[in-house]
Amino acid sequence: MKPHSDTLTTADGRTALRMERRLTHPPAKVWSAITDPAHIGQWFPSGVTEVTAPRVLAYRWHPEGTVRWELGQGTGHGPRLI
């Protein structure tokens, strides 16, 4: 299985980039990296629009988009980051 997969789609005049990564870190460490304000504030402007801990986190992307992180079921070596 590939360590990553990217797809670009367009629907209703909006483009979406879906990036999937196979990670080796434990799910708790990955979730902390994308949800802990001490980590997020260093790399991403926040504006949280959706949280379903410890699985989904979405942010506003200025001016009208969204960035959505999802931890999916992995293959035994860690979660998929979608």
PDB file of N, CA and C in Angstrom:
ATOM      1  N   MET A   1       0.829  -1.169   0.000  1.00  0.00           N
ATOM      2  CA  MET A   1       0.000   0.000   0.000  1.00  0.00           C
ATOM      3  C   MET A   1       0.882   1.245   0.000  1.00  0.00           C
ATOM      4  N   LYS A   2       0.495   2.258  -0.763  1.00  0.00           N
ATOM      5  CA  LYS A   2       1.265   3.491  -0.855  1.00  0.00           C
ATOM      6  C   LYS A   2       1.233   4.247   0.477  1.00  0.00           C
ATOM      7  N   PRO A   3       2.337   4.952   0.813  1.00  0.00           N
ATOM      8  CA  PRO A   3       2.356   5.718   2.060  1.00  0.00           C
ATOM      9  C   PRO A   3       1.509   6.985   1.996  1.00  0.00           C
ATOM     10  N   HIS A   4       1.128   7.423   0.774  1.00  0.00           N
ATOM     11  CA  HIS A   4       0.290   8.601   0.655  1.00  0.00           C
ATOM     12  C   HIS A   4      -0.539   8.545  -0.626  1.00  0.00           C
ATOM     13  N   SER A   5      -1.624   9.335  -0.608  1.00  0.00           N
ATOM     14  CA  SER A   5      -2.512   9.396  -1.756  1.00  0.00           C
ATOM     15  C   SER A   5      -3.145  10.780  -1.786  1.00  0.00           C
ATOM     16  N   ASP A   6      -3.096  11.447  -2.935  1.00  0.00           N
ATOM     17  CA  ASP A   6      -3.689  12.771  -3.087  1.00  0.00           C
ATOM     18  C   ASP A   6      -4.661  12.740  -4.259  1.00  0.00           C
ATOM     19  N   THR A   7      -5.840  13.359  -4.076  1.00  0.00           N
ATOM     20  CA  THR A   7      -6.801  13.468  -5.168  1.00  0.00           C
ATOM     21  C   THR A   7      -7.341  14.893  -5.207  1.00  0.00           C
ATOM     22  N   LEU A   8      -7.576  15.382  -6.405  1.00  0.00           N
ATOM     23  CA  LEU A   8      -8.121  16.709  -6.618  1.00  0.00           C
ATOM     24  C   LEU A   8      -9.450  16.544  -7.344  1.00  0.00           C
ATOM     25  N   THR A   9     -10.540  17.091  -6.753  1.00  0.00           N
ATOM     26  CA  THR A   9     -11.859  16.980  -7.359  1.00  0.00           C
ATOM     27  C   THR A   9     -12.518  18.353  -7.410  1.00  0.00           C
ATOM     28  N   THR A  10     -13.499  18.483  -8.279  1.00  0.00           N
ATOM     29  CA  THR A  10     -14.276  19.716  -8.365  1.00  0.00           C
ATOM     30  C   THR A  10     -15.757  19.354  -8.372  1.00  0.00           C
ATOM     31  N   ALA A  11     -16.524  20.045  -7.509  1.00  0.00           N
ATOM     32  CA  ALA A  11     -17.973  19.843  -7.439  1.00  0.00           C
ATOM     33  C   ALA A  11     -18.614  21.180  -7.113  1.00  0.00           C
ATOM     34  N   ASP A  12     -19.690  21.496  -7.783  1.00  0.00           N
ATOM     35  CA  ASP A  12     -20.410  22.753  -7.554  1.00  0.00           C
ATOM     36  C   ASP A  12     -19.491  23.970  -7.662  1.00  0.00           C
ATOM     37  N   GLY A  13     -18.533  23.911  -8.572  1.00  0.00           N
ATOM     38  CA  GLY A  13     -17.632  25.036  -8.777  1.00  0.00           C
ATOM     39  C   GLY A  13     -16.557  25.204  -7.722  1.00  0.00           C
ATOM     40  N   ARG A  14     -16.449  24.242  -6.803  1.00  0.00           N
ATOM     41  CA  ARG A  14     -15.433  24.314  -5.744  1.00  0.00           C
ATOM     42  C   ARG A  14     -14.460  23.162  -5.907  1.00  0.00           C
ATOM     43  N   THR A  15     -13.198  23.460  -5.697  1.00  0.00           N
ATOM     44  CA  THR A  15     -12.158  22.447  -5.809  1.00  0.00           C
ATOM     45  C   THR A  15     -11.788  21.934  -4.424  1.00  0.00           C
ATOM     46  N   ALA A  16     -11.577  20.631  -4.315  1.00  0.00           N
ATOM     47  CA  ALA A  16     -11.178  20.019  -3.047  1.00  0.00           C
ATOM     48  C   ALA A  16      -9.940  19.162  -3.266  1.00  0.00           C
ATOM     49  N   LEU A  17      -8.974  19.328  -2.404  1.00  0.00           N
ATOM     50  CA  LEU A  17      -7.777  18.495  -2.412  1.00  0.00           C
ATOM     51  C   LEU A  17      -7.859  17.581  -1.214  1.00  0.00           C
ATOM     52  N   ARG A  18      -7.823  16.283  -1.458  1.00  0.00           N
ATOM     53  CA  ARG A  18      -7.856  15.295  -0.378  1.00  0.00           C
ATOM     54  C   ARG A  18      -6.464  14.678  -0.303  1.00  0.00           C
ATOM     55  N   MET A  19      -5.858  14.775   0.882  1.00  0.00           N
ATOM     56  CA  MET A  19      -4.525  14.231   1.097  1.00  0.00           C
ATOM     57  C   MET A  19      -4.626  13.155   2.180  1.00  0.00           C
ATOM     58  N   GLU A  20      -4.097  11.995   1.883  1.00  0.00           N
ATOM     59  CA  GLU A  20      -4.126  10.886   2.830  1.00  0.00           C
ATOM     60  C   GLU A  20      -2.697  10.431   3.078  1.00  0.00           C
ATOM     61  N   ARG A  21      -2.348  10.237   4.348  1.00  0.00           N
ATOM     62  CA  ARG A  21      -0.997   9.824   4.717  1.00  0.00           C
ATOM     63  C   ARG A  21      -1.053   8.639   5.663  1.00  0.00           C
ATOM     64  N   ARG A  22      -0.165   7.698   5.482  1.00  0.00           N
ATOM     65  CA  ARG A  22       0.013   6.582   6.412  1.00  0.00           C
ATOM     66  C   ARG A  22       1.073   7.021   7.420  1.00  0.00           C
ATOM     67  N   LEU A  23       0.725   7.008   8.695  1.00  0.00           N
ATOM     68  CA  LEU A  23       1.628   7.486   9.732  1.00  0.00           C
ATOM     69  C   LEU A  23       2.079   6.346  10.639  1.00  0.00           C
ATOM     70  N   THR A  24       3.229   6.514  11.260  1.00  0.00           N
ATOM     71  CA  THR A  24       3.748   5.493  12.170  1.00  0.00           C
ATOM     72  C   THR A  24       3.594   5.887  13.632  1.00  0.00           C
ATOM     73  N   HIS A  25       3.134   7.111  13.887  1.00  0.00           N
ATOM     74  CA  HIS A  25       2.953   7.582  15.259  1.00  0.00           C
ATOM     75  C   HIS A  25       1.648   7.049  15.843  1.00  0.00           C
ATOM     76  N   PRO A  26       1.563   6.936  17.171  1.00  0.00           N
ATOM     77  CA  PRO A  26       0.306   6.527  17.793  1.00  0.00           C
ATOM     78  C   PRO A  26      -0.792   7.572  17.526  1.00  0.00           C
ATOM     79  N   PRO A  27      -2.052   7.147  17.439  1.00  0.00           N
ATOM     80  CA  PRO A  27      -3.143   8.078  17.178  1.00  0.00           C
ATOM     81  C   PRO A  27      -3.175   9.265  18.142  1.00  0.00           C
ATOM     82  N   ALA A  28      -2.901   9.063  19.429  1.00  0.00           N
ATOM     83  CA  ALA A  28      -2.945  10.157  20.405  1.00  0.00           C
ATOM     84  C   ALA A  28      -1.922  11.240  20.077  1.00  0.00           C
ATOM     85  N   LYS A  29      -0.751  10.852  19.603  1.00  0.00           N
ATOM     86  CA  LYS A  29       0.287  11.825  19.259  1.00  0.00           C
ATOM     87  C   LYS A  29      -0.122  12.628  18.018  1.00  0.00           C
ATOM     88  N   VAL A  30      -0.704  11.968  17.034  1.00  0.00           N
ATOM     89  CA  VAL A  30      -1.151  12.652  15.820  1.00  0.00           C
ATOM     90  C   VAL A  30      -2.278  13.620  16.165  1.00  0.00           C
ATOM     91  N   TRP A  31      -3.248  13.176  16.967  1.00  0.00           N
ATOM     92  CA  TRP A  31      -4.365  14.033  17.345  1.00  0.00           C
ATOM     93  C   TRP A  31      -3.852  15.272  18.079  1.00  0.00           C
ATOM     94  N   SER A  32      -2.918  15.093  18.982  1.00  0.00           N
ATOM     95  CA  SER A  32      -2.349  16.225  19.716  1.00  0.00           C
ATOM     96  C   SER A  32      -1.662  17.211  18.775  1.00  0.00           C
ATOM     97  N   ALA A  33      -0.959  16.711  17.790  1.00  0.00           N
ATOM     98  CA  ALA A  33      -0.246  17.579  16.846  1.00  0.00           C
ATOM     99  C   ALA A  33      -1.192  18.459  16.039  1.00  0.00           C
ATOM    100  N   ILE A  34      -2.402  17.978  15.771  1.00  0.00           N
ATOM    101  CA  ILE A  34      -3.335  18.770  14.954  1.00  0.00           C
ATOM    102  C   ILE A  34      -4.419  19.465  15.772  1.00  0.00           C
ATOM    103  N   THR A  35      -4.475  19.231  17.102  1.00  0.00           N
ATOM    104  CA  THR A  35      -5.517  19.860  17.914  1.00  0.00           C
ATOM    105  C   THR A  35      -5.000  20.711  19.063  1.00  0.00           C
ATOM    106  N   ASP A  36      -3.808  20.486  19.539  1.00  0.00           N
ATOM    107  CA  ASP A  36      -3.266  21.212  20.689  1.00  0.00           C
ATOM    108  C   ASP A  36      -2.884  22.630  20.262  1.00  0.00           C
ATOM    109  N   PRO A  37      -3.492  23.651  20.879  1.00  0.00           N
ATOM    110  CA  PRO A  37      -3.181  25.030  20.491  1.00  0.00           C
ATOM    111  C   PRO A  37      -1.693  25.362  20.543  1.00  0.00           C
ATOM    112  N   ALA A  38      -0.961  24.738  21.430  1.00  0.00           N
ATOM    113  CA  ALA A  38       0.480  24.990  21.514  1.00  0.00           C
ATOM    114  C   ALA A  38       1.196  24.542  20.242  1.00  0.00           C
ATOM    115  N   HIS A  39       0.644  23.552  19.556  1.00  0.00           N
ATOM    116  CA  HIS A  39       1.226  23.071  18.298  1.00  0.00           C
ATOM    117  C   HIS A  39       0.620  23.794  17.099  1.00  0.00           C
ATOM    118  N   ILE A  40      -0.698  23.912  17.080  1.00  0.00           N
ATOM    119  CA  ILE A  40      -1.402  24.489  15.932  1.00  0.00           C
ATOM    120  C   ILE A  40      -0.984  25.926  15.666  1.00  0.00           C
ATOM    121  N   GLY A  41      -0.902  26.712  16.728  1.00  0.00           N
ATOM    122  CA  GLY A  41      -0.606  28.123  16.562  1.00  0.00           C
ATOM    123  C   GLY A  41       0.725  28.403  15.888  1.00  0.00           C
ATOM    124  N   GLN A  42       1.595  27.419  15.855  1.00  0.00           N
ATOM    125  CA  GLN A  42       2.901  27.586  15.224  1.00  0.00           C
ATOM    126  C   GLN A  42       2.849  27.374  13.714  1.00  0.00           C
ATOM    127  N   TRP A  43       1.793  26.741  13.210  1.00  0.00           N
ATOM    128  CA  TRP A  43       1.780  26.419  11.775  1.00  0.00           C
ATOM    129  C   TRP A  43       0.457  26.689  11.069  1.00  0.00           C
ATOM    130  N   PHE A  44      -0.615  26.992  11.801  1.00  0.00           N
ATOM    131  CA  PHE A  44      -1.894  27.142  11.121  1.00  0.00           C
ATOM    132  C   PHE A  44      -2.789  28.143  11.840  1.00  0.00           C
ATOM    133  N   PRO A  45      -3.395  29.080  11.103  1.00  0.00           N
ATOM    134  CA  PRO A  45      -4.334  30.009  11.746  1.00  0.00           C
ATOM    135  C   PRO A  45      -5.639  29.285  12.074  1.00  0.00           C
ATOM    136  N   SER A  46      -6.057  29.342  13.316  1.00  0.00           N
ATOM    137  CA  SER A  46      -7.237  28.565  13.693  1.00  0.00           C
ATOM    138  C   SER A  46      -8.533  29.319  13.456  1.00  0.00           C
ATOM    139  N   GLY A  47      -9.590  28.622  13.448  1.00  0.00           N
ATOM    140  CA  GLY A  47     -10.969  29.044  13.274  1.00  0.00           C
ATOM    141  C   GLY A  47     -11.747  27.748  13.174  1.00  0.00           C
ATOM    142  N   VAL A  48     -11.826  27.023  14.277  1.00  0.00           N
ATOM    143  CA  VAL A  48     -12.366  25.667  14.284  1.00  0.00           C
ATOM    144  C   VAL A  48     -13.842  25.668  13.917  1.00  0.00           C
ATOM    145  N   THR A  49     -14.220  24.780  12.995  1.00  0.00           N
ATOM    146  CA  THR A  49     -15.607  24.654  12.555  1.00  0.00           C
ATOM    147  C   THR A  49     -16.218  23.301  12.896  1.00  0.00           C
ATOM    148  N   GLU A  50     -15.378  22.305  13.192  1.00  0.00           N
ATOM    149  CA  GLU A  50     -15.895  20.960  13.498  1.00  0.00           C
ATOM    150  C   GLU A  50     -14.876  20.216  14.348  1.00  0.00           C
ATOM    151  N   VAL A  51     -15.359  19.565  15.422  1.00  0.00           N
ATOM    152  CA  VAL A  51     -14.500  18.730  16.262  1.00  0.00           C
ATOM    153  C   VAL A  51     -15.287  17.498  16.658  1.00  0.00           C
ATOM    154  N   THR A  52     -14.728  16.339  16.380  1.00  0.00           N
ATOM    155  CA  THR A  52     -15.244  15.067  16.876  1.00  0.00           C
ATOM    156  C   THR A  52     -14.023  14.311  17.392  1.00  0.00           C
ATOM    157  N   ALA A  53     -13.615  14.617  18.626  1.00  0.00           N
ATOM    158  CA  ALA A  53     -12.395  14.040  19.199  1.00  0.00           C
ATOM    159  C   ALA A  53     -12.588  12.541  19.432  1.00  0.00           C
ATOM    160  N   PRO A  54     -11.572  11.766  19.215  1.00  0.00           N
ATOM    161  CA  PRO A  54     -10.262  12.123  18.694  1.00  0.00           C
ATOM    162  C   PRO A  54     -10.127  11.801  17.213  1.00  0.00           C
ATOM    163  N   ARG A  55     -11.116  12.140  16.401  1.00  0.00           N
ATOM    164  CA  ARG A  55     -11.123  11.689  15.021  1.00  0.00           C
ATOM    165  C   ARG A  55     -11.177  12.772  13.954  1.00  0.00           C
ATOM    166  N   VAL A  56     -11.968  13.833  14.151  1.00  0.00           N
ATOM    167  CA  VAL A  56     -12.175  14.841  13.108  1.00  0.00           C
ATOM    168  C   VAL A  56     -11.929  16.243  13.666  1.00  0.00           C
ATOM    169  N   LEU A  57     -11.247  17.060  12.876  1.00  0.00           N
ATOM    170  CA  LEU A  57     -11.030  18.462  13.222  1.00  0.00           C
ATOM    171  C   LEU A  57     -11.036  19.265  11.924  1.00  0.00           C
ATOM    172  N   ALA A  58     -11.823  20.342  11.878  1.00  0.00           N
ATOM    173  CA  ALA A  58     -11.895  21.184  10.680  1.00  0.00           C
ATOM    174  C   ALA A  58     -11.700  22.645  11.075  1.00  0.00           C
ATOM    175  N   TYR A  59     -11.048  23.409  10.168  1.00  0.00           N
ATOM    176  CA  TYR A  59     -10.772  24.833  10.365  1.00  0.00           C
ATOM    177  C   TYR A  59     -11.286  25.617   9.173  1.00  0.00           C
ATOM    178  N   ARG A  60     -11.620  26.897   9.421  1.00  0.00           N
ATOM    179  CA  ARG A  60     -11.892  27.808   8.304  1.00  0.00           C
ATOM    180  C   ARG A  60     -10.580  28.095   7.605  1.00  0.00           C
ATOM    181  N   TRP A  61     -10.623  28.165   6.299  1.00  0.00           N
ATOM    182  CA  TRP A  61      -9.467  28.540   5.498  1.00  0.00           C
ATOM    183  C   TRP A  61      -9.843  29.829   4.789  1.00  0.00           C
ATOM    184  N   HIS A  62      -9.248  30.908   5.177  1.00  0.00           N
ATOM    185  CA  HIS A  62      -9.619  32.243   4.699  1.00  0.00           C
ATOM    186  C   HIS A  62      -9.475  32.342   3.189  1.00  0.00           C
ATOM    187  N   PRO A  63     -10.421  32.913   2.468  1.00  0.00           N
ATOM    188  CA  PRO A  63     -11.623  33.538   2.998  1.00  0.00           C
ATOM    189  C   PRO A  63     -12.847  32.639   3.005  1.00  0.00           C
ATOM    190  N   GLU A  64     -12.895  31.568   2.204  1.00  0.00           N
ATOM    191  CA  GLU A  64     -14.160  30.825   2.128  1.00  0.00           C
ATOM    192  C   GLU A  64     -14.013  29.319   2.086  1.00  0.00           C
ATOM    193  N   GLY A  65     -12.871  28.796   2.430  1.00  0.00           N
ATOM    194  CA  GLY A  65     -12.669  27.353   2.377  1.00  0.00           C
ATOM    195  C   GLY A  65     -12.549  26.728   3.752  1.00  0.00           C
ATOM    196  N   THR A  66     -12.347  25.430   3.779  1.00  0.00           N
ATOM    197  CA  THR A  66     -12.206  24.658   5.018  1.00  0.00           C
ATOM    198  C   THR A  66     -11.073  23.655   4.864  1.00  0.00           C
ATOM    199  N   VAL A  67     -10.325  23.454   5.940  1.00  0.00           N
ATOM    200  CA  VAL A  67      -9.345  22.372   6.009  1.00  0.00           C
ATOM    201  C   VAL A  67      -9.879  21.387   7.032  1.00  0.00           C
ATOM    202  N   ARG A  68      -9.965  20.121   6.638  1.00  0.00           N
ATOM    203  CA  ARG A  68     -10.540  19.095   7.512  1.00  0.00           C
ATOM    204  C   ARG A  68      -9.545  17.964   7.694  1.00  0.00           C
ATOM    205  N   TRP A  69      -9.253  17.627   8.953  1.00  0.00           N
ATOM    206  CA  TRP A  69      -8.369  16.509   9.285  1.00  0.00           C
ATOM    207  C   TRP A  69      -9.219  15.372   9.824  1.00  0.00           C
ATOM    208  N   GLU A  70      -8.915  14.160   9.388  1.00  0.00           N
ATOM    209  CA  GLU A  70      -9.613  12.993   9.912  1.00  0.00           C
ATOM    210  C   GLU A  70      -8.607  11.870  10.125  1.00  0.00           C
ATOM    211  N   LEU A  71      -8.671  11.243  11.295  1.00  0.00           N
ATOM    212  CA  LEU A  71      -7.844  10.073  11.554  1.00  0.00           C
ATOM    213  C   LEU A  71      -8.681   8.847  11.233  1.00  0.00           C
ATOM    214  N   GLY A  72      -8.234   8.081  10.241  1.00  0.00           N
ATOM    215  CA  GLY A  72      -8.944   6.882   9.827  1.00  0.00           C
ATOM    216  C   GLY A  72      -8.267   5.634  10.355  1.00  0.00           C
ATOM    217  N   GLN A  73      -8.913   4.517  10.176  1.00  0.00           N
ATOM    218  CA  GLN A  73      -8.375   3.241  10.599  1.00  0.00           C
ATOM    219  C   GLN A  73      -7.102   2.936   9.816  1.00  0.00           C
ATOM    220  N   GLY A  74      -6.050   2.599  10.520  1.00  0.00           N
ATOM    221  CA  GLY A  74      -4.778   2.282   9.892  1.00  0.00           C
ATOM    222  C   GLY A  74      -4.637   0.801   9.589  1.00  0.00           C
ATOM    223  N   THR A  75      -3.419   0.404   9.332  1.00  0.00           N
ATOM    224  CA  THR A  75      -3.140  -0.989   8.993  1.00  0.00           C
ATOM    225  C   THR A  75      -2.342  -1.679  10.087  1.00  0.00           C
ATOM    226  N   GLY A  76      -2.369  -1.157  11.315  1.00  0.00           N
ATOM    227  CA  GLY A  76      -1.632  -1.764  12.411  1.00  0.00           C
ATOM    228  C   GLY A  76      -0.370  -1.005  12.763  1.00  0.00           C
ATOM    229  N   HIS A  77       0.075  -0.105  11.911  1.00  0.00           N
ATOM    230  CA  HIS A  77       1.283   0.673  12.176  1.00  0.00           C
ATOM    231  C   HIS A  77       0.951   2.094  12.612  1.00  0.00           C
ATOM    232  N   GLY A  78      -0.303   2.437  12.686  1.00  0.00           N
ATOM    233  CA  GLY A  78      -0.754   3.783  13.043  1.00  0.00           C
ATOM    234  C   GLY A  78      -1.950   4.152  12.212  1.00  0.00           C
ATOM    235  N   PRO A  79      -2.522   5.328  12.472  1.00  0.00           N
ATOM    236  CA  PRO A  79      -3.738   5.729  11.761  1.00  0.00           C
ATOM    237  C   PRO A  79      -3.436   6.276  10.367  1.00  0.00           C
ATOM    238  N   ARG A  80      -4.498   6.396   9.559  1.00  0.00           N
ATOM    239  CA  ARG A  80      -4.413   7.128   8.293  1.00  0.00           C
ATOM    240  C   ARG A  80      -4.798   8.561   8.613  1.00  0.00           C
ATOM    241  N   LEU A  81      -4.044   9.527   8.112  1.00  0.00           N
ATOM    242  CA  LEU A  81      -4.413  10.927   8.235  1.00  0.00           C
ATOM    243  C   LEU A  81      -5.015  11.329   6.900  1.00  0.00           C
ATOM    244  N   ILE A  82      -6.304  11.690   6.933  1.00  0.00           N
ATOM    245  CA  ILE A  82      -7.048  12.003   5.715  1.00  0.00           C
ATOM    246  C   ILE A  82      -7.366  13.493   5.714  1.00  0.00           C
TER     247      ILE A  82
END
